[in-house]
C-alpha atoms as a PDB file:
ATOM      1  CA  UNK A   1       6.700  16.321 -13.678  1.00  0.00           C
ATOM      2  CA  UNK A   2       3.311  18.024 -14.152  1.00  0.00           C
ATOM      3  CA  UNK A   3       2.467  21.668 -13.615  1.00  0.00           C
ATOM      4  CA  UNK A   4      -0.022  22.291 -10.844  1.00  0.00           C
ATOM      5  CA  UNK A   5      -1.682  25.445  -9.609  1.00  0.00           C
ATOM      6  CA  UNK A   6      -0.266  26.969  -6.423  1.00  0.00           C
ATOM      7  CA  UNK A   7      -1.629  25.285  -3.304  1.00  0.00           C
ATOM      8  CA  UNK A   8      -2.600  22.021  -5.005  1.00  0.00           C
ATOM      9  CA  UNK A   9      -0.818  18.835  -3.968  1.00  0.00           C
ATOM     10  CA  UNK A  10      -1.752  16.977  -7.168  1.00  0.00           C
ATOM     11  CA  UNK A  11      -1.775  17.832 -10.901  1.00  0.00           C
ATOM     12  CA  UNK A  12      -5.492  17.169 -11.462  1.00  0.00           C
ATOM     13  CA  UNK A  13      -7.796  20.144 -11.760  1.00  0.00           C
ATOM     14  CA  UNK A  14     -11.422  19.631 -10.737  1.00  0.00           C
ATOM     15  CA  UNK A  15     -12.797  18.870 -14.195  1.00  0.00           C
ATOM     16  CA  UNK A  16     -10.084  16.298 -14.930  1.00  0.00           C
ATOM     17  CA  UNK A  17     -10.562  14.721 -11.503  1.00  0.00           C
ATOM     18  CA  UNK A  18     -14.326  14.418 -12.043  1.00  0.00           C
ATOM     19  CA  UNK A  19     -13.847  12.878 -15.481  1.00  0.00           C
ATOM     20  CA  UNK A  20     -11.365  10.347 -14.075  1.00  0.00           C
ATOM     21  CA  UNK A  21     -13.731   9.366 -11.266  1.00  0.00           C
ATOM     22  CA  UNK A  22     -16.602   8.963 -13.734  1.00  0.00           C
ATOM     23  CA  UNK A  23     -14.394   6.842 -15.978  1.00  0.00           C
ATOM     24  CA  UNK A  24     -13.376   4.606 -13.063  1.00  0.00           C
ATOM     25  CA  UNK A  25     -16.989   4.112 -12.005  1.00  0.00           C
ATOM     26  CA  UNK A  26     -18.191   3.178 -15.491  1.00  0.00           C
ATOM     27  CA  UNK A  27     -15.173   1.258 -16.829  1.00  0.00           C
ATOM     28  CA  UNK A  28     -15.568  -2.538 -16.968  1.00  0.00           C
ATOM     29  CA  UNK A  29     -14.230  -4.510 -14.014  1.00  0.00           C
ATOM     30  CA  UNK A  30     -11.891  -6.308 -16.406  1.00  0.00           C
ATOM     31  CA  UNK A  31     -10.192  -2.937 -16.977  1.00  0.00           C
ATOM     32  CA  UNK A  32      -9.993  -2.092 -13.269  1.00  0.00           C
ATOM     33  CA  UNK A  33     -13.227  -0.099 -13.093  1.00  0.00           C
ATOM     34  CA  UNK A  34     -16.449  -0.626 -11.173  1.00  0.00           C
ATOM     35  CA  UNK A  35     -18.565  -1.502 -14.205  1.00  0.00           C
ATOM     36  CA  UNK A  36     -21.488   0.697 -13.159  1.00  0.00           C
ATOM     37  CA  UNK A  37     -23.932   1.825 -15.847  1.00  0.00           C
ATOM     38  CA  UNK A  38     -24.901   4.964 -13.945  1.00  0.00           C
ATOM     39  CA  UNK A  39     -27.529   6.274 -16.359  1.00  0.00           C
ATOM     40  CA  UNK A  40     -29.241   2.870 -16.504  1.00  0.00           C
ATOM     41  CA  UNK A  41     -29.254   2.713 -12.714  1.00  0.00           C
ATOM     42  CA  UNK A  42     -31.027   6.072 -12.584  1.00  0.00           C
ATOM     43  CA  UNK A  43     -33.572   5.022 -15.248  1.00  0.00           C
ATOM     44  CA  UNK A  44     -34.301   1.779 -13.342  1.00  0.00           C
ATOM     45  CA  UNK A  45     -34.574   3.834 -10.122  1.00  0.00           C
ATOM     46  CA  UNK A  46     -31.873   1.713  -8.488  1.00  0.00           C
ATOM     47  CA  UNK A  47     -30.206   5.001  -7.582  1.00  0.00           C
ATOM     48  CA  UNK A  48     -31.854   8.409  -7.501  1.00  0.00           C
ATOM     49  CA  UNK A  49     -28.998  10.375  -9.031  1.00  0.00           C
ATOM     50  CA  UNK A  50     -25.234  10.674  -9.225  1.00  0.00           C
ATOM     51  CA  UNK A  51     -23.150  13.785  -8.860  1.00  0.00           C
ATOM     52  CA  UNK A  52     -19.554  14.699  -8.103  1.00  0.00           C
ATOM     53  CA  UNK A  53     -18.361  15.303  -4.589  1.00  0.00           C
ATOM     54  CA  UNK A  54     -18.015  18.929  -3.600  1.00  0.00           C
ATOM     55  CA  UNK A  55     -14.748  20.715  -3.043  1.00  0.00           C
ATOM     56  CA  UNK A  56     -15.494  22.386   0.301  1.00  0.00           C
ATOM     57  CA  UNK A  57     -12.700  24.955   0.013  1.00  0.00           C
ATOM     58  CA  UNK A  58     -13.986  26.177  -3.342  1.00  0.00           C
ATOM     59  CA  UNK A  59     -17.579  26.168  -2.103  1.00  0.00           C
ATOM     60  CA  UNK A  60     -16.628  28.349   0.861  1.00  0.00           C
ATOM     61  CA  UNK A  61     -14.734  30.785  -1.375  1.00  0.00           C
ATOM     62  CA  UNK A  62     -17.688  30.993  -3.760  1.00  0.00           C
ATOM     63  CA  UNK A  63     -20.156  31.375  -0.884  1.00  0.00           C
ATOM     64  CA  UNK A  64     -18.070  34.170   0.650  1.00  0.00           C
ATOM     65  CA  UNK A  65     -17.956  35.985  -2.706  1.00  0.00           C
ATOM     66  CA  UNK A  66     -21.679  35.638  -3.342  1.00  0.00           C
ATOM     67  CA  UNK A  67     -22.730  36.571   0.177  1.00  0.00           C
ATOM     68  CA  UNK A  68     -20.456  39.600   0.575  1.00  0.00           C
ATOM     69  CA  UNK A  69     -22.103  43.021   0.319  1.00  0.00           C
ATOM     70  CA  UNK A  70     -19.086  44.667  -1.297  1.00  0.00           C
END
């Protein structure tokens, strides 16, 4: 139904996936989310920071490109 890049088993590119995760974390529980006010939690020092999970395959590819001497 949705176009996806070769090798991906789902239609969500990284940016869309990260936005969806952020939306789920911050959406009210009444709407099926977690209801977390992430920025407020950082300001109150309840959490130190929040960041997206890394895509290890892409990190390795990037690392290999950066570290190659070619």
